[in-house]
Amino acid sequence: MNECLYCKGHLEARLVSRVQAYHGRWYLIEHVPALVCSQCGETFYTPQAHDLVLSLVREAAAPVRIDPLTVLDAS
């Protein structure tokens, strides 16, 4: 896959950060391999990257750091 499904732009392999919810908790996973459109910025994950993210949160991998998170309410 080297063409964006939305705008037909070129996809580039990059390492990105991904926020993932799992069992009521939020995780920030850094350095996830992804394909990112150079034109519109849409991000696509391979099945292997998706499996990697799930294995990290399911196995409760030791965090590299814990950062506070600011929560805002738009209502």
PDB file of N, CA and C in Angstrom:
ATOM      1  N   MET A   1       0.856  -1.180   0.000  1.00  0.00           N
ATOM      2  CA  MET A   1       0.000   0.000   0.000  1.00  0.00           C
ATOM      3  C   MET A   1       0.894   1.232   0.000  1.00  0.00           C
ATOM      4  N   ASN A   2       0.849   2.005  -1.056  1.00  0.00           N
ATOM      5  CA  ASN A   2       1.672   3.211  -1.109  1.00  0.00           C
ATOM      6  C   ASN A   2       0.873   4.434  -1.554  1.00  0.00           C
ATOM      7  N   GLU A   3      -0.460   4.293  -1.597  1.00  0.00           N
ATOM      8  CA  GLU A   3      -1.318   5.403  -1.996  1.00  0.00           C
ATOM      9  C   GLU A   3      -2.429   5.582  -0.963  1.00  0.00           C
ATOM     10  N   CYS A   4      -2.660   6.824  -0.554  1.00  0.00           N
ATOM     11  CA  CYS A   4      -3.689   7.140   0.431  1.00  0.00           C
ATOM     12  C   CYS A   4      -5.071   6.759  -0.097  1.00  0.00           C
ATOM     13  N   LEU A   5      -5.859   6.126   0.757  1.00  0.00           N
ATOM     14  CA  LEU A   5      -7.205   5.723   0.364  1.00  0.00           C
ATOM     15  C   LEU A   5      -8.143   6.915   0.203  1.00  0.00           C
ATOM     16  N   TYR A   6      -7.801   8.052   0.815  1.00  0.00           N
ATOM     17  CA  TYR A   6      -8.682   9.219   0.797  1.00  0.00           C
ATOM     18  C   TYR A   6      -8.341  10.232  -0.290  1.00  0.00           C
ATOM     19  N   CYS A   7      -7.054  10.601  -0.390  1.00  0.00           N
ATOM     20  CA  CYS A   7      -6.697  11.668  -1.334  1.00  0.00           C
ATOM     21  C   CYS A   7      -5.769  11.201  -2.443  1.00  0.00           C
ATOM     22  N   LYS A   8      -5.364   9.926  -2.382  1.00  0.00           N
ATOM     23  CA  LYS A   8      -4.455   9.322  -3.376  1.00  0.00           C
ATOM     24  C   LYS A   8      -3.029   9.854  -3.285  1.00  0.00           C
ATOM     25  N   GLY A   9      -2.706  10.539  -2.171  1.00  0.00           N
ATOM     26  CA  GLY A   9      -1.335  11.017  -1.956  1.00  0.00           C
ATOM     27  C   GLY A   9      -0.392   9.855  -1.657  1.00  0.00           C
ATOM     28  N   HIS A  10       0.893  10.152  -1.612  1.00  0.00           N
ATOM     29  CA  HIS A  10       1.932   9.150  -1.376  1.00  0.00           C
ATOM     30  C   HIS A  10       2.044   8.853   0.121  1.00  0.00           C
ATOM     31  N   LEU A  11       2.129   7.571   0.477  1.00  0.00           N
ATOM     32  CA  LEU A  11       2.298   7.165   1.872  1.00  0.00           C
ATOM     33  C   LEU A  11       3.770   6.969   2.182  1.00  0.00           C
ATOM     34  N   GLU A  12       4.180   7.509   3.333  1.00  0.00           N
ATOM     35  CA  GLU A  12       5.569   7.399   3.782  1.00  0.00           C
ATOM     36  C   GLU A  12       5.613   6.623   5.090  1.00  0.00           C
ATOM     37  N   ALA A  13       6.597   5.730   5.220  1.00  0.00           N
ATOM     38  CA  ALA A  13       6.783   4.992   6.468  1.00  0.00           C
ATOM     39  C   ALA A  13       7.348   5.946   7.512  1.00  0.00           C
ATOM     40  N   ARG A  14       6.693   5.993   8.678  1.00  0.00           N
ATOM     41  CA  ARG A  14       7.134   6.859   9.779  1.00  0.00           C
ATOM     42  C   ARG A  14       6.875   6.154  11.100  1.00  0.00           C
ATOM     43  N   LEU A  15       7.490   6.695  12.143  1.00  0.00           N
ATOM     44  CA  LEU A  15       7.187   6.275  13.501  1.00  0.00           C
ATOM     45  C   LEU A  15       6.333   7.370  14.109  1.00  0.00           C
ATOM     46  N   VAL A  16       5.163   6.993  14.642  1.00  0.00           N
ATOM     47  CA  VAL A  16       4.206   7.964  15.165  1.00  0.00           C
ATOM     48  C   VAL A  16       3.842   7.615  16.605  1.00  0.00           C
ATOM     49  N   SER A  17       3.163   8.535  17.259  1.00  0.00           N
ATOM     50  CA  SER A  17       2.593   8.286  18.583  1.00  0.00           C
ATOM     51  C   SER A  17       1.113   7.972  18.398  1.00  0.00           C
ATOM     52  N   ARG A  18       0.616   7.030  19.188  1.00  0.00           N
ATOM     53  CA  ARG A  18      -0.776   6.621  19.074  1.00  0.00           C
ATOM     54  C   ARG A  18      -1.393   6.564  20.473  1.00  0.00           C
ATOM     55  N   VAL A  19      -2.581   7.122  20.600  1.00  0.00           N
ATOM     56  CA  VAL A  19      -3.333   7.044  21.848  1.00  0.00           C
ATOM     57  C   VAL A  19      -4.299   5.874  21.712  1.00  0.00           C
ATOM     58  N   GLN A  20      -4.297   5.015  22.734  1.00  0.00           N
ATOM     59  CA  GLN A  20      -5.115   3.801  22.680  1.00  0.00           C
ATOM     60  C   GLN A  20      -5.869   3.626  23.989  1.00  0.00           C
ATOM     61  N   ALA A  21      -7.177   3.412  23.900  1.00  0.00           N
ATOM     62  CA  ALA A  21      -7.977   3.096  25.079  1.00  0.00           C
ATOM     63  C   ALA A  21      -8.000   1.583  25.261  1.00  0.00           C
ATOM     64  N   TYR A  22      -7.929   1.140  26.515  1.00  0.00           N
ATOM     65  CA  TYR A  22      -7.999  -0.290  26.801  1.00  0.00           C
ATOM     66  C   TYR A  22      -8.503  -0.475  28.220  1.00  0.00           C
ATOM     67  N   HIS A  23      -9.638  -1.124  28.354  1.00  0.00           N
ATOM     68  CA  HIS A  23     -10.249  -1.409  29.652  1.00  0.00           C
ATOM     69  C   HIS A  23     -10.378  -0.153  30.523  1.00  0.00           C
ATOM     70  N   GLY A  24     -10.857   0.929  29.922  1.00  0.00           N
ATOM     71  CA  GLY A  24     -11.121   2.143  30.678  1.00  0.00           C
ATOM     72  C   GLY A  24      -9.912   3.005  30.974  1.00  0.00           C
ATOM     73  N   ARG A  25      -8.766   2.637  30.466  1.00  0.00           N
ATOM     74  CA  ARG A  25      -7.546   3.435  30.664  1.00  0.00           C
ATOM     75  C   ARG A  25      -7.030   3.879  29.302  1.00  0.00           C
ATOM     76  N   TRP A  26      -6.334   5.005  29.304  1.00  0.00           N
ATOM     77  CA  TRP A  26      -5.738   5.529  28.078  1.00  0.00           C
ATOM     78  C   TRP A  26      -4.229   5.351  28.129  1.00  0.00           C
ATOM     79  N   TYR A  27      -3.670   4.985  26.992  1.00  0.00           N
ATOM     80  CA  TYR A  27      -2.231   4.777  26.866  1.00  0.00           C
ATOM     81  C   TYR A  27      -1.710   5.597  25.690  1.00  0.00           C
ATOM     82  N   LEU A  28      -0.516   6.147  25.844  1.00  0.00           N
ATOM     83  CA  LEU A  28       0.186   6.799  24.744  1.00  0.00           C
ATOM     84  C   LEU A  28       1.336   5.876  24.366  1.00  0.00           C
ATOM     85  N   ILE A  29       1.307   5.391  23.150  1.00  0.00           N
ATOM     86  CA  ILE A  29       2.357   4.502  22.668  1.00  0.00           C
ATOM     87  C   ILE A  29       3.170   5.274  21.639  1.00  0.00           C
ATOM     88  N   GLU A  30       4.451   5.409  21.910  1.00  0.00           N
ATOM     89  CA  GLU A  30       5.336   6.166  21.022  1.00  0.00           C
ATOM     90  C   GLU A  30       6.103   5.222  20.099  1.00  0.00           C
ATOM     91  N   HIS A  31       6.534   5.766  18.981  1.00  0.00           N
ATOM     92  CA  HIS A  31       7.370   5.063  18.001  1.00  0.00           C
ATOM     93  C   HIS A  31       6.672   3.860  17.372  1.00  0.00           C
ATOM     94  N   VAL A  32       5.392   4.037  17.052  1.00  0.00           N
ATOM     95  CA  VAL A  32       4.620   2.990  16.385  1.00  0.00           C
ATOM     96  C   VAL A  32       4.831   3.129  14.875  1.00  0.00           C
ATOM     97  N   PRO A  33       5.216   2.061  14.190  1.00  0.00           N
ATOM     98  CA  PRO A  33       5.373   2.150  12.739  1.00  0.00           C
ATOM     99  C   PRO A  33       4.016   2.372  12.064  1.00  0.00           C
ATOM    100  N   ALA A  34       3.997   3.288  11.109  1.00  0.00           N
ATOM    101  CA  ALA A  34       2.757   3.614  10.401  1.00  0.00           C
ATOM    102  C   ALA A  34       3.089   4.120   9.008  1.00  0.00           C
ATOM    103  N   LEU A  35       2.054   4.189   8.183  1.00  0.00           N
ATOM    104  CA  LEU A  35       2.156   4.816   6.872  1.00  0.00           C
ATOM    105  C   LEU A  35       1.364   6.117   6.958  1.00  0.00           C
ATOM    106  N   VAL A  36       2.019   7.236   6.649  1.00  0.00           N
ATOM    107  CA  VAL A  36       1.401   8.557   6.782  1.00  0.00           C
ATOM    108  C   VAL A  36       1.369   9.225   5.413  1.00  0.00           C
ATOM    109  N   CYS A  37       0.198   9.747   5.050  1.00  0.00           N
ATOM    110  CA  CYS A  37       0.049  10.414   3.755  1.00  0.00           C
ATOM    111  C   CYS A  37       0.787  11.746   3.776  1.00  0.00           C
ATOM    112  N   SER A  38       1.646  11.952   2.792  1.00  0.00           N
ATOM    113  CA  SER A  38       2.410  13.198   2.706  1.00  0.00           C
ATOM    114  C   SER A  38       1.539  14.367   2.259  1.00  0.00           C
ATOM    115  N   GLN A  39       0.349  14.086   1.752  1.00  0.00           N
ATOM    116  CA  GLN A  39      -0.535  15.143   1.259  1.00  0.00           C
ATOM    117  C   GLN A  39      -1.579  15.557   2.302  1.00  0.00           C
ATOM    118  N   CYS A  40      -2.325  14.593   2.863  1.00  0.00           N
ATOM    119  CA  CYS A  40      -3.408  14.948   3.795  1.00  0.00           C
ATOM    120  C   CYS A  40      -3.099  14.612   5.245  1.00  0.00           C
ATOM    121  N   GLY A  41      -2.048  13.822   5.501  1.00  0.00           N
ATOM    122  CA  GLY A  41      -1.655  13.493   6.862  1.00  0.00           C
ATOM    123  C   GLY A  41      -2.370  12.302   7.476  1.00  0.00           C
ATOM    124  N   GLU A  42      -3.262  11.657   6.738  1.00  0.00           N
ATOM    125  CA  GLU A  42      -3.966  10.486   7.262  1.00  0.00           C
ATOM    126  C   GLU A  42      -2.955   9.399   7.637  1.00  0.00           C
ATOM    127  N   THR A  43      -3.217   8.695   8.732  1.00  0.00           N
ATOM    128  CA  THR A  43      -2.313   7.666   9.235  1.00  0.00           C
ATOM    129  C   THR A  43      -2.953   6.296   9.079  1.00  0.00           C
ATOM    130  N   PHE A  44      -2.182   5.351   8.578  1.00  0.00           N
ATOM    131  CA  PHE A  44      -2.615   3.971   8.399  1.00  0.00           C
ATOM    132  C   PHE A  44      -1.659   3.056   9.146  1.00  0.00           C
ATOM    133  N   TYR A  45      -2.233   2.066   9.831  1.00  0.00           N
ATOM    134  CA  TYR A  45      -1.423   1.108  10.580  1.00  0.00           C
ATOM    135  C   TYR A  45      -1.505  -0.256   9.918  1.00  0.00           C
ATOM    136  N   THR A  46      -0.384  -0.951   9.867  1.00  0.00           N
ATOM    137  CA  THR A  46      -0.375  -2.309   9.345  1.00  0.00           C
ATOM    138  C   THR A  46      -0.967  -3.234  10.404  1.00  0.00           C
ATOM    139  N   PRO A  47      -1.399  -4.416  10.019  1.00  0.00           N
ATOM    140  CA  PRO A  47      -1.876  -5.375  11.019  1.00  0.00           C
ATOM    141  C   PRO A  47      -0.806  -5.677  12.078  1.00  0.00           C
ATOM    142  N   GLN A  48       0.458  -5.696  11.679  1.00  0.00           N
ATOM    143  CA  GLN A  48       1.538  -5.964  12.623  1.00  0.00           C
ATOM    144  C   GLN A  48       1.669  -4.836  13.650  1.00  0.00           C
ATOM    145  N   ALA A  49       1.509  -3.579  13.207  1.00  0.00           N
ATOM    146  CA  ALA A  49       1.575  -2.444  14.134  1.00  0.00           C
ATOM    147  C   ALA A  49       0.394  -2.478  15.097  1.00  0.00           C
ATOM    148  N   HIS A  50      -0.770  -2.817  14.588  1.00  0.00           N
ATOM    149  CA  HIS A  50      -1.956  -2.934  15.439  1.00  0.00           C
ATOM    150  C   HIS A  50      -1.744  -4.025  16.490  1.00  0.00           C
ATOM    151  N   ASP A  51      -1.227  -5.168  16.091  1.00  0.00           N
ATOM    152  CA  ASP A  51      -0.955  -6.257  17.029  1.00  0.00           C
ATOM    153  C   ASP A  51       0.073  -5.838  18.076  1.00  0.00           C
ATOM    154  N   LEU A  52       1.078  -5.070  17.675  1.00  0.00           N
ATOM    155  CA  LEU A  52       2.092  -4.576  18.608  1.00  0.00           C
ATOM    156  C   LEU A  52       1.457  -3.685  19.671  1.00  0.00           C
ATOM    157  N   VAL A  53       0.598  -2.763  19.263  1.00  0.00           N
ATOM    158  CA  VAL A  53      -0.078  -1.865  20.198  1.00  0.00           C
ATOM    159  C   VAL A  53      -0.921  -2.681  21.179  1.00  0.00           C
ATOM    160  N   LEU A  54      -1.700  -3.623  20.674  1.00  0.00           N
ATOM    161  CA  LEU A  54      -2.533  -4.444  21.551  1.00  0.00           C
ATOM    162  C   LEU A  54      -1.708  -5.274  22.527  1.00  0.00           C
ATOM    163  N   SER A  55      -0.597  -5.810  22.069  1.00  0.00           N
ATOM    164  CA  SER A  55       0.230  -6.610  22.975  1.00  0.00           C
ATOM    165  C   SER A  55       0.833  -5.739  24.070  1.00  0.00           C
ATOM    166  N   LEU A  56       1.195  -4.502  23.769  1.00  0.00           N
ATOM    167  CA  LEU A  56       1.747  -3.610  24.788  1.00  0.00           C
ATOM    168  C   LEU A  56       0.731  -3.294  25.873  1.00  0.00           C
ATOM    169  N   VAL A  57      -0.501  -2.986  25.488  1.00  0.00           N
ATOM    170  CA  VAL A  57      -1.497  -2.632  26.496  1.00  0.00           C
ATOM    171  C   VAL A  57      -2.043  -3.863  27.213  1.00  0.00           C
ATOM    172  N   ARG A  58      -2.184  -4.969  26.518  1.00  0.00           N
ATOM    173  CA  ARG A  58      -2.702  -6.196  27.151  1.00  0.00           C
ATOM    174  C   ARG A  58      -1.728  -6.762  28.174  1.00  0.00           C
ATOM    175  N   GLU A  59      -0.452  -6.696  27.855  1.00  0.00           N
ATOM    176  CA  GLU A  59       0.569  -7.264  28.730  1.00  0.00           C
ATOM    177  C   GLU A  59       1.038  -6.280  29.789  1.00  0.00           C
ATOM    178  N   ALA A  60       0.445  -5.084  29.809  1.00  0.00           N
ATOM    179  CA  ALA A  60       0.812  -4.048  30.786  1.00  0.00           C
ATOM    180  C   ALA A  60       2.326  -3.847  30.816  1.00  0.00           C
ATOM    181  N   ALA A  61       2.887  -3.560  29.655  1.00  0.00           N
ATOM    182  CA  ALA A  61       4.324  -3.319  29.547  1.00  0.00           C
ATOM    183  C   ALA A  61       4.729  -2.197  30.502  1.00  0.00           C
ATOM    184  N   ALA A  62       5.926  -2.301  31.034  1.00  0.00           N
ATOM    185  CA  ALA A  62       6.418  -1.274  31.951  1.00  0.00           C
ATOM    186  C   ALA A  62       6.522   0.060  31.215  1.00  0.00           C
ATOM    187  N   PRO A  63       5.935   1.127  31.760  1.00  0.00           N
ATOM    188  CA  PRO A  63       5.987   2.418  31.066  1.00  0.00           C
ATOM    189  C   PRO A  63       7.398   3.004  31.088  1.00  0.00           C
ATOM    190  N   VAL A  64       7.734   3.712  30.022  1.00  0.00           N
ATOM    191  CA  VAL A  64       9.023   4.405  29.984  1.00  0.00           C
ATOM    192  C   VAL A  64       8.966   5.680  30.818  1.00  0.00           C
ATOM    193  N   ARG A  65       7.753   6.217  31.005  1.00  0.00           N
ATOM    194  CA  ARG A  65       7.524   7.368  31.867  1.00  0.00           C
ATOM    195  C   ARG A  65       6.020   7.494  32.081  1.00  0.00           C
ATOM    196  N   ILE A  66       5.625   8.262  33.066  1.00  0.00           N
ATOM    197  CA  ILE A  66       4.226   8.554  33.318  1.00  0.00           C
ATOM    198  C   ILE A  66       4.078  10.070  33.312  1.00  0.00           C
ATOM    199  N   ASP A  67       3.230  10.578  32.405  1.00  0.00           N
ATOM    200  CA  ASP A  67       3.004  12.012  32.268  1.00  0.00           C
ATOM    201  C   ASP A  67       1.596  12.367  32.732  1.00  0.00           C
ATOM    202  N   PRO A  68       1.452  13.517  33.399  1.00  0.00           N
ATOM    203  CA  PRO A  68       0.086  13.958  33.728  1.00  0.00           C
ATOM    204  C   PRO A  68      -0.645  14.342  32.451  1.00  0.00           C
ATOM    205  N   LEU A  69      -1.957  14.241  32.488  1.00  0.00           N
ATOM    206  CA  LEU A  69      -2.776  14.551  31.317  1.00  0.00           C
ATOM    207  C   LEU A  69      -3.813  15.586  31.695  1.00  0.00           C
ATOM    208  N   THR A  70      -3.889  16.655  30.931  1.00  0.00           N
ATOM    209  CA  THR A  70      -4.907  17.683  31.156  1.00  0.00           C
ATOM    210  C   THR A  70      -6.192  17.253  30.461  1.00  0.00           C
ATOM    211  N   VAL A  71      -7.299  17.266  31.208  1.00  0.00           N
ATOM    212  CA  VAL A  71      -8.591  16.863  30.665  1.00  0.00           C
ATOM    213  C   VAL A  71      -9.475  18.114  30.566  1.00  0.00           C
ATOM    214  N   LEU A  72     -10.034  18.350  29.386  1.00  0.00           N
ATOM    215  CA  LEU A  72     -10.901  19.501  29.139  1.00  0.00           C
ATOM    216  C   LEU A  72     -12.299  19.031  28.808  1.00  0.00           C
ATOM    217  N   ASP A  73     -13.293  19.841  29.107  1.00  0.00           N
ATOM    218  CA  ASP A  73     -14.693  19.515  28.833  1.00  0.00           C
ATOM    219  C   ASP A  73     -15.267  20.584  27.919  1.00  0.00           C
ATOM    220  N   ALA A  74     -15.748  20.191  26.763  1.00  0.00           N
ATOM    221  CA  ALA A  74     -16.260  21.140  25.775  1.00  0.00           C
ATOM    222  C   ALA A  74     -17.754  21.363  25.901  1.00  0.00           C
ATOM    223  N   SER A  75     -18.409  20.771  26.896  1.00  0.00           N
ATOM    224  CA  SER A  75     -19.862  20.943  27.006  1.00  0.00           C
ATOM    225  C   SER A  75     -20.237  22.262  27.662  1.00  0.00           C
TER     226      SER A  75
END
